[in-house]
Protein backbone atom coordinates (compact mmCIF):
# COMPACT_ATOMS: atom_id res chain seq x y z
CA UNK A 1 52.20 76.86 9.41
CA UNK A 2 55.31 74.62 9.34
CA UNK A 3 57.51 77.40 10.15
CA UNK A 4 55.51 78.39 13.32
CA UNK A 5 55.28 74.72 14.13
CA UNK A 6 58.91 74.06 14.00
CA UNK A 7 59.67 77.47 16.07
CA UNK A 8 57.04 76.43 18.77
CA UNK A 9 58.45 72.85 19.03
CA UNK A 10 62.00 73.92 19.36
CA UNK A 11 61.21 76.72 21.92
CA UNK A 12 59.15 74.34 24.11
CA UNK A 13 61.73 71.48 23.88
CA UNK A 14 64.47 74.14 24.97
CA UNK A 15 62.24 75.22 27.90
CA UNK A 16 61.50 71.69 29.06
CA UNK A 17 65.12 70.71 28.82
CA UNK A 18 66.31 73.87 30.74
CA UNK A 19 63.41 73.13 33.53
CA UNK A 20 64.50 69.41 33.94
CA UNK A 21 68.21 70.21 33.96
CA UNK A 22 67.88 73.03 36.68
CA UNK A 23 65.42 71.18 38.70
CA UNK A 24 66.57 70.60 42.34
CA UNK A 25 65.24 67.07 42.20
CA UNK A 26 65.45 65.16 38.92
CA UNK A 27 63.77 61.87 37.87
CA UNK A 28 66.23 59.36 37.25
CA UNK A 29 67.14 58.84 33.65
CA UNK A 30 64.73 61.77 32.79
CA UNK A 31 66.92 62.59 29.90
CA UNK A 32 66.94 59.12 28.30
CA UNK A 33 64.73 57.87 25.53
CA UNK A 34 62.74 54.62 25.89
CA UNK A 35 64.00 51.39 24.12
CA UNK A 36 61.50 49.20 22.01
CA UNK A 37 60.89 47.16 25.30
CA UNK A 38 59.94 50.35 27.10
CA UNK A 39 57.52 51.52 24.18
CA UNK A 40 56.03 48.20 24.56
CA UNK A 41 55.53 48.74 28.22
CA UNK A 42 54.06 52.18 27.54
CA UNK A 43 51.44 50.68 25.17
CA UNK A 44 50.83 48.13 28.09
CA UNK A 45 49.92 50.83 30.40
CA UNK A 46 47.89 52.67 27.87
CA UNK A 47 45.99 49.46 27.12
CA UNK A 48 45.35 48.66 30.74
CA UNK A 49 44.18 52.18 31.39
CA UNK A 50 41.80 52.31 28.34
CA UNK A 51 40.38 48.75 29.45
CA UNK A 52 39.55 50.03 32.83
CA UNK A 53 37.89 53.05 31.45
CA UNK A 54 35.61 50.93 29.22
CA UNK A 55 34.86 48.28 31.72
CA UNK A 56 34.22 50.67 34.56
CA UNK A 57 37.10 49.18 36.76
CA UNK A 58 37.76 51.73 39.49
CA UNK A 59 36.01 54.33 37.41
CA UNK A 60 32.49 56.04 38.05
CA UNK A 61 29.64 54.91 35.70
CA UNK A 62 29.34 58.20 34.03
CA UNK A 63 33.02 58.23 33.00
CA UNK A 64 32.44 54.77 31.46
CA UNK A 65 29.27 56.00 29.81
CA UNK A 66 31.26 58.84 28.37
CA UNK A 67 33.96 56.68 26.88
CA UNK A 68 31.30 54.45 25.03
CA UNK A 69 29.70 57.64 23.78
CA UNK A 70 32.82 58.94 22.33
CA UNK A 71 33.57 55.65 20.70
CA UNK A 72 30.26 55.76 19.12
CA UNK A 73 30.85 59.39 17.85
CA UNK A 74 34.13 58.27 16.33
CA UNK A 75 32.26 55.46 14.51
CA UNK A 76 29.45 57.73 13.37
CA UNK A 77 32.08 60.29 11.81
CA UNK A 78 34.03 57.55 10.25
CA UNK A 79 30.86 56.20 8.70
CA UNK A 80 29.78 59.73 7.43
CA UNK A 81 33.33 60.39 6.00
CA UNK A 82 33.44 57.09 4.03
CA UNK A 83 29.78 57.64 2.72
CA UNK A 84 30.79 61.04 1.48
CA UNK A 85 28.64 62.93 3.75
CA UNK A 86 31.47 65.25 5.13
CA UNK A 87 32.67 67.85 2.67
CA UNK A 88 35.77 69.71 3.91
CA UNK A 89 36.70 73.23 2.81
CA UNK A 90 40.31 74.06 1.87
CA UNK A 91 40.62 76.01 5.38
CA UNK A 92 39.15 72.90 7.24
CA UNK A 93 41.62 70.70 5.60
CA UNK A 94 44.52 73.01 6.60
CA UNK A 95 43.53 72.83 10.17
CA UNK A 96 42.80 69.16 10.05
CA UNK A 97 46.44 68.65 8.67
CA UNK A 98 47.83 70.62 11.45
CA UNK A 99 45.86 68.99 14.26
CA UNK A 100 46.81 65.42 12.80
CA UNK A 101 50.49 66.46 12.81
CA UNK A 102 50.17 67.79 16.36
CA UNK A 103 48.40 64.74 17.51
CA UNK A 104 51.09 62.34 16.07
CA UNK A 105 54.00 64.30 17.24
CA UNK A 106 52.72 64.58 20.81
CA UNK A 107 52.15 60.88 20.87
CA UNK A 108 55.62 60.18 19.52
CA UNK A 109 57.13 62.41 22.21
CA UNK A 110 55.14 60.63 24.96
CA UNK A 111 55.92 57.33 24.01
CA UNK A 112 59.60 58.19 23.54
CA UNK A 113 60.28 60.01 27.04
CA UNK A 114 61.54 57.74 29.77
CA UNK A 115 60.09 59.88 32.58
CA UNK A 116 56.48 59.60 31.13
CA UNK A 117 57.04 55.85 31.42
CA UNK A 118 58.18 56.05 35.01
CA UNK A 119 54.95 57.77 35.82
CA UNK A 120 53.09 54.92 34.28
CA UNK A 121 51.59 56.90 31.22
CA UNK A 122 49.74 59.15 33.52
CA UNK A 123 46.34 60.42 32.02
CA UNK A 124 47.56 64.02 32.48
CA UNK A 125 50.20 63.66 29.71
CA UNK A 126 47.32 62.92 27.32
CA UNK A 127 45.31 66.23 27.85
CA UNK A 128 46.66 67.93 24.78
CA UNK A 129 46.06 64.93 22.72
CA UNK A 130 42.43 64.65 23.89
CA UNK A 131 41.90 68.34 23.24
CA UNK A 132 43.23 67.90 19.76
CA UNK A 133 40.98 64.87 18.98
CA UNK A 134 38.01 67.00 20.27
CA UNK A 135 38.76 69.72 17.87
CA UNK A 136 39.19 67.39 15.03
CA UNK A 137 35.74 65.58 15.70
CA UNK A 138 34.03 69.03 15.96
CA UNK A 139 35.60 70.09 12.71
CA UNK A 140 34.34 66.90 10.88
CA UNK A 141 30.91 67.37 12.72
CA UNK A 142 30.71 70.87 11.51
CA UNK A 143 31.10 70.05 7.81
CA UNK A 144 28.67 67.23 7.91
CA UNK A 145 26.02 67.54 4.98
CA UNK A 146 22.78 66.03 6.52
CA UNK A 147 19.08 66.64 6.28
CA UNK A 148 17.60 69.13 8.74
CA UNK A 149 16.22 66.23 10.94
CA UNK A 150 19.46 64.16 10.89
CA UNK A 151 21.27 67.60 11.65
CA UNK A 152 19.18 68.07 14.88
CA UNK A 153 19.72 64.48 16.01
CA UNK A 154 23.50 64.62 15.34
CA UNK A 155 23.62 68.03 17.12
CA UNK A 156 21.74 66.49 19.96
CA UNK A 157 24.12 63.60 20.06
CA UNK A 158 27.01 65.87 20.24
CA UNK A 159 25.47 67.81 23.06
CA UNK A 160 24.82 64.53 24.96
CA UNK A 161 28.48 63.64 24.48
CA UNK A 162 29.77 67.07 25.65
CA UNK A 163 27.32 67.20 28.87
CA UNK A 164 28.17 63.49 29.66
CA UNK A 165 31.87 64.41 29.51
CA UNK A 166 31.30 67.44 31.80
CA UNK A 167 29.15 65.48 34.19
CA UNK A 168 31.83 62.71 34.59
CA UNK A 169 34.10 64.76 36.48
CA UNK A 170 31.68 65.67 39.26
CA UNK A 171 30.35 62.05 39.16
CA UNK A 172 34.05 60.89 39.87
CA UNK A 173 34.41 63.24 42.79
CA UNK A 174 31.05 62.13 44.09
CA UNK A 175 31.55 58.38 43.97
CA UNK A 176 35.23 57.60 43.58
CA UNK A 177 36.90 60.28 45.51
CA UNK A 178 34.12 61.91 47.55
CA UNK A 179 36.54 63.86 49.75
CA UNK A 180 37.99 65.86 46.68
CA UNK A 181 34.63 67.56 45.96
CA UNK A 182 35.42 70.06 48.78
CA UNK A 183 37.75 72.69 47.58
CA UNK A 184 41.26 72.19 48.86
CA UNK A 185 41.47 76.05 49.71
CA UNK A 186 38.42 75.73 51.94
CA UNK A 187 40.02 72.73 53.83
CA UNK A 188 43.31 74.39 54.27
CA UNK A 189 41.63 77.55 55.79
CA UNK A 190 41.26 75.32 58.98
CA UNK A 191 44.98 75.76 59.60
CA UNK A 192 44.64 79.63 59.66
CA UNK A 193 43.84 79.54 63.41
CA UNK A 194 47.30 78.57 64.17
CA UNK A 195 49.00 81.45 62.63
CA UNK A 196 52.30 80.90 61.13
CA UNK A 197 53.07 77.00 60.82
CA UNK A 198 55.22 74.66 59.28
CA UNK A 199 53.73 71.24 57.63
CA UNK A 200 55.57 68.07 56.97
CA UNK A 201 53.39 65.73 55.00
CA UNK A 202 53.23 63.29 52.03
CA UNK A 203 54.20 64.86 48.67
CA UNK A 204 50.96 66.18 47.24
CA UNK A 205 49.45 67.06 50.63
CA UNK A 206 52.31 69.15 51.67
CA UNK A 207 52.28 71.18 48.38
CA UNK A 208 48.60 71.44 48.31
CA UNK A 209 48.32 73.00 51.80
CA UNK A 210 51.14 75.23 51.29
CA UNK A 211 50.24 76.81 47.87
CA UNK A 212 46.95 78.15 49.41
CA UNK A 213 48.55 80.41 51.76
CA UNK A 214 52.27 80.35 51.36
CA UNK A 215 53.03 83.49 53.35
CA UNK A 216 51.72 81.57 56.60
CA UNK A 217 51.96 78.03 55.68
CA UNK A 218 55.51 76.59 54.97
CA UNK A 219 55.29 73.00 53.92
CA UNK A 220 57.65 70.32 52.48
CA UNK A 221 57.28 66.46 51.68
CA UNK A 222 58.95 64.22 54.35
CA UNK A 223 62.54 63.21 53.83
CA UNK A 224 61.72 59.90 52.24
CA UNK A 225 59.51 61.60 49.63
CA UNK A 226 60.39 63.44 46.43
CA UNK A 227 61.55 66.92 47.77
CA UNK A 228 61.55 69.15 44.86
CA UNK A 229 63.00 72.25 46.40
CA UNK A 230 65.28 71.63 49.54
CA UNK A 231 65.44 75.37 50.14
CA UNK A 232 62.02 75.34 51.44
CA UNK A 233 62.89 73.00 54.44
CA UNK A 234 64.41 75.72 56.45
CA UNK A 235 61.41 77.80 56.40
CA UNK A 236 59.36 74.86 57.59
CA UNK A 237 61.38 74.35 60.85
CA UNK A 238 61.67 78.06 61.38
CA UNK A 239 57.91 78.67 62.11
CA UNK A 240 56.72 78.89 65.50
CA UNK A 241 54.71 75.66 65.33
CA UNK A 242 55.19 72.60 63.41
CA UNK A 243 52.60 69.97 62.33
CA UNK A 244 52.98 66.44 60.84
CA UNK A 245 50.43 65.04 58.75
CA UNK A 246 50.53 61.15 58.59
CA UNK A 247 48.26 60.35 55.66
CA UNK A 248 49.97 58.37 53.07
CA UNK A 249 53.23 57.54 54.63
CA UNK A 250 52.73 56.83 58.41
CA UNK A 251 50.35 54.43 60.27
CA UNK A 252 50.68 56.24 63.54
CA UNK A 253 52.25 59.39 65.16
CA UNK A 254 55.39 58.08 67.09
CA UNK A 255 56.61 59.88 70.28
CA UNK A 256 59.96 60.99 68.54
CA UNK A 257 60.35 61.60 64.98
CA UNK A 258 63.48 62.30 62.87
CA UNK A 259 62.97 64.44 59.91
CA UNK A 260 65.85 65.79 57.65
CA UNK A 261 68.11 64.40 60.32
CA UNK A 262 66.38 66.65 62.92
CA UNK A 263 64.73 65.10 66.00
CA UNK A 264 61.14 65.97 66.64
CA UNK A 265 59.03 65.34 69.82
CA UNK A 266 55.24 64.95 69.68
CA UNK A 267 53.02 67.40 71.56
CA UNK A 268 49.59 66.34 72.73
CA UNK A 269 47.27 64.02 70.87
CA UNK A 270 46.62 63.53 67.25
CA UNK A 271 43.48 65.26 65.71
CA UNK A 272 41.68 65.69 62.60
CA UNK A 273 42.06 68.82 60.56
CA UNK A 274 41.54 69.76 56.69
CA UNK A 275 40.68 66.33 55.93
CA UNK A 276 43.94 64.76 57.44
CA UNK A 277 45.10 63.31 60.67
CA UNK A 278 47.61 65.67 62.04
CA UNK A 279 49.76 66.07 65.27
CA UNK A 280 52.04 68.96 66.39
CA UNK A 281 55.62 68.24 67.00
CA UNK A 282 58.44 70.56 68.37
CA UNK A 283 62.15 70.39 67.72
CA UNK A 284 64.35 68.91 70.25
CA UNK A 285 67.98 70.31 70.93
CA UNK A 286 70.50 68.94 68.54
CA UNK A 287 72.99 68.11 71.21
CA UNK A 288 74.23 64.71 70.41
CA UNK A 289 77.21 62.44 71.48
CA UNK A 290 78.49 60.72 68.32
CA UNK A 291 80.33 57.45 68.70
CA UNK A 292 83.08 56.38 66.37
CA UNK A 293 80.67 54.02 64.70
CA UNK A 294 78.30 56.81 63.92
CA UNK A 295 81.03 58.67 61.88
CA UNK A 296 83.07 57.93 58.87
CA UNK A 297 86.47 56.28 58.90
CA UNK A 298 88.54 56.17 55.92
CA UNK A 299 90.54 52.97 57.02
CA UNK A 300 88.62 50.58 58.91
CA UNK A 301 92.08 49.03 60.13
CA UNK A 302 92.27 52.27 62.43
CA UNK A 303 89.20 51.07 64.34
CA UNK A 304 89.99 49.26 67.57
CA UNK A 305 88.13 48.17 70.84
CA UNK A 306 89.12 49.87 74.00
CA UNK A 307 87.03 48.30 76.79
CA UNK A 308 83.41 48.72 75.77
CA UNK A 309 83.84 51.51 73.21
CA UNK A 310 85.27 51.66 69.75
CA UNK A 311 88.01 53.99 69.10
CA UNK A 312 90.33 55.27 66.18
CA UNK A 313 94.01 54.53 66.79
CA UNK A 314 96.50 56.00 64.32
CA UNK A 315 100.17 56.08 64.19
CA UNK A 316 102.61 58.66 63.18
CA UNK A 317 104.87 58.92 60.07
CA UNK A 318 105.09 60.79 56.76
CA UNK A 319 102.29 58.59 55.26
CA UNK A 320 99.96 60.07 57.80
CA UNK A 321 100.85 63.81 57.37
CA UNK A 322 97.70 65.88 56.38
CA UNK A 323 95.36 62.87 56.21
CA UNK A 324 91.76 63.19 57.25
CA UNK A 325 91.10 60.29 59.72
CA UNK A 326 87.50 61.23 60.72
CA UNK A 327 84.63 62.76 59.08
CA UNK A 328 80.85 62.77 59.21
CA UNK A 329 78.11 62.48 60.51
CA UNK A 330 76.41 64.75 57.62
CA UNK A 331 73.96 66.30 59.92
CA UNK A 332 71.35 69.06 59.59
CA UNK A 333 71.85 72.01 61.95
CA UNK A 334 69.60 74.97 62.40
CA UNK A 335 70.91 78.58 62.95
CA UNK A 336 72.40 79.01 66.39
CA UNK A 337 75.52 78.73 68.53
CA UNK A 338 77.33 75.23 68.81
CA UNK A 339 80.32 73.54 70.32
CA UNK A 340 81.84 70.44 69.08
CA UNK A 341 84.32 68.63 71.63
CA UNK A 342 86.74 65.87 70.25
CA UNK A 343 87.64 63.40 72.94
CA UNK A 344 91.26 62.35 72.22
CA UNK A 345 94.27 60.86 73.78
CA UNK A 346 97.81 61.25 72.47
CA UNK A 347 100.43 58.60 73.27
CA UNK A 348 103.44 59.84 71.80
CA UNK A 349 104.67 63.13 70.35
CA UNK A 350 107.73 64.29 68.40
CA UNK A 351 110.12 66.28 70.42
CA UNK A 352 109.88 69.34 68.21
CA UNK A 353 106.32 69.54 67.73
CA UNK A 354 103.15 70.37 69.97
CA UNK A 355 100.54 70.89 67.15
CA UNK A 356 99.15 67.52 66.22
CA UNK A 357 96.46 68.34 63.79
CA UNK A 358 93.25 70.60 63.13
CA UNK A 359 89.77 70.35 63.96
CA UNK A 360 87.69 71.01 60.86
CA UNK A 361 83.89 71.69 60.64
CA UNK A 362 82.31 71.94 57.14
CA UNK A 363 79.19 71.44 55.31
CA UNK A 364 78.04 70.26 51.87
CA UNK A 365 81.04 67.77 51.62
CA UNK A 366 83.59 70.47 52.08
CA UNK A 367 82.13 73.23 49.84
CA UNK A 368 81.15 75.30 52.79
CA UNK A 369 83.99 75.80 55.54
CA UNK A 370 82.63 76.62 58.86
CA UNK A 371 85.45 76.47 61.33
CA UNK A 372 89.26 75.42 61.42
CA UNK A 373 91.12 75.29 64.71
CA UNK A 374 94.53 73.73 65.55
CA UNK A 375 95.08 71.16 68.26
CA UNK A 376 98.22 71.21 70.36
CA UNK A 377 99.24 69.28 73.42
CA UNK A 378 102.20 69.43 75.82
CA UNK A 379 104.51 66.55 76.74
CA UNK A 380 102.97 66.35 80.32
CA UNK A 381 99.48 65.83 78.87
CA UNK A 382 100.40 62.66 76.95
CA UNK A 383 98.80 59.27 77.80
CA UNK A 384 95.55 60.56 79.10
CA UNK A 385 92.06 61.44 77.32
CA UNK A 386 91.67 65.10 76.80
CA UNK A 387 88.71 67.26 75.49
CA UNK A 388 89.39 69.56 72.62
CA UNK A 389 86.42 71.91 72.03
CA UNK A 390 85.88 74.54 69.31
CA UNK A 391 82.92 76.84 69.08
CA UNK A 392 80.94 78.22 66.01
CA UNK A 393 77.83 79.99 65.00
CA UNK A 394 75.48 79.22 62.05
CA UNK A 395 73.60 82.15 60.64
CA UNK A 396 71.44 79.77 58.41
CA UNK A 397 70.04 76.46 57.99
CA UNK A 398 72.87 74.02 57.09
CA UNK A 399 72.76 70.71 55.44
CA UNK A 400 75.36 67.83 55.48
CA UNK A 401 77.41 69.27 58.34
CA UNK A 402 80.54 67.19 59.18
CA UNK A 403 83.15 67.14 61.96
CA UNK A 404 86.73 66.18 60.63
CA UNK A 405 90.10 65.82 62.21
CA UNK A 406 93.17 66.14 59.89
CA UNK A 407 96.41 64.91 61.38
CA UNK A 408 99.99 66.34 61.03
CA UNK A 409 101.41 62.74 61.30
CA UNK A 410 103.66 63.54 64.17
CA UNK A 411 101.64 61.79 66.91
CA UNK A 412 100.22 58.33 67.91
CA UNK A 413 96.63 59.24 69.18
CA UNK A 414 93.27 57.71 69.78
CA UNK A 415 90.00 59.43 69.05
CA UNK A 416 86.79 58.04 71.06
CA UNK A 417 84.07 60.28 70.35
CA UNK A 418 82.78 63.82 69.06
CA UNK A 419 80.29 65.57 71.01
CA UNK A 420 77.81 68.16 69.50
CA UNK A 421 76.13 70.72 71.98
CA UNK A 422 73.53 73.43 70.76
CA UNK A 423 73.26 76.22 73.40
């Protein structure tokens, strides 16, 4: 028993560690253990939840009744045990020892892990402990030595406890959360009339609607929520129609909305569907004129005011050679064809050089190179603003795209804006 317990514990611990480490979205400090103060907070959460359960605060009356019946059952079992009315066989003692160890070890784990505390000791973490306690109670009850009449009464009481516990689930859905009584699958079927769609919603709503029909419904939590898998986002925007559900994160549907740095425009009026407030949106073209203030400048001293606009002005010299003087804006681009135009003015140029730098387009902080193009200028083109354009095509949805300029250090120049055009 000890051997298989250890093997099981090690295997499950290894799996949970692997899953957490490789998760696309990680809870902050998920690997850390609770301090003594954190353990105290954990007990505080548990005490408050238990108190609410027994006093009926935010809980349906049947669940509260079930809690008191369980407490009464535990008292009866303790009394019977101390009065010598429960005679355990060697086999029963073995299993009770196993269940006690399991119960204690699970509790130690729950009170030790910081990510359980972050989720405020949610009741779902205690399902295993609840099941183990139920098995222990049944084992004790099974070995109680009672008279025939007392046995019938005790069995009836056990049945009452079990039925009340089963009924508490439906009572909770009827009185506290009546909207959950309808199956989520039945609600989500209302979306089927739209065919292939994308959904942006609050965390649980997004995953709930998507899991019912993942072939036709692609969904993701909104960009301020906990997006577990960023790889799902391209599928959402690739669908013919896109719906936004406002429940849980918006008060109303704005005319325009930016999600994952992609601009959206509202179509039509909001409507009610699948128990949620929804509205259809469509993607706007990603064409945008980025000013210097929307981009990233490594050295703020390079920023200057020229009339009503802010520009980058850099000098020449060896210290400027191969320097990135402009980056950003870390936008999100969908598959398609694009042009990027850098508006620049060169004031002076070394006699022997005409190439003043390179236009660079990359994604994911340089990990994905997209485009590289040299910039050259003639002497007769000095002193006036010129547009330097580069074209590129993206075959896939791309995050954190930035437009950079690397100077050769052989020219004094100004950069006033970067213009992205989708066509």
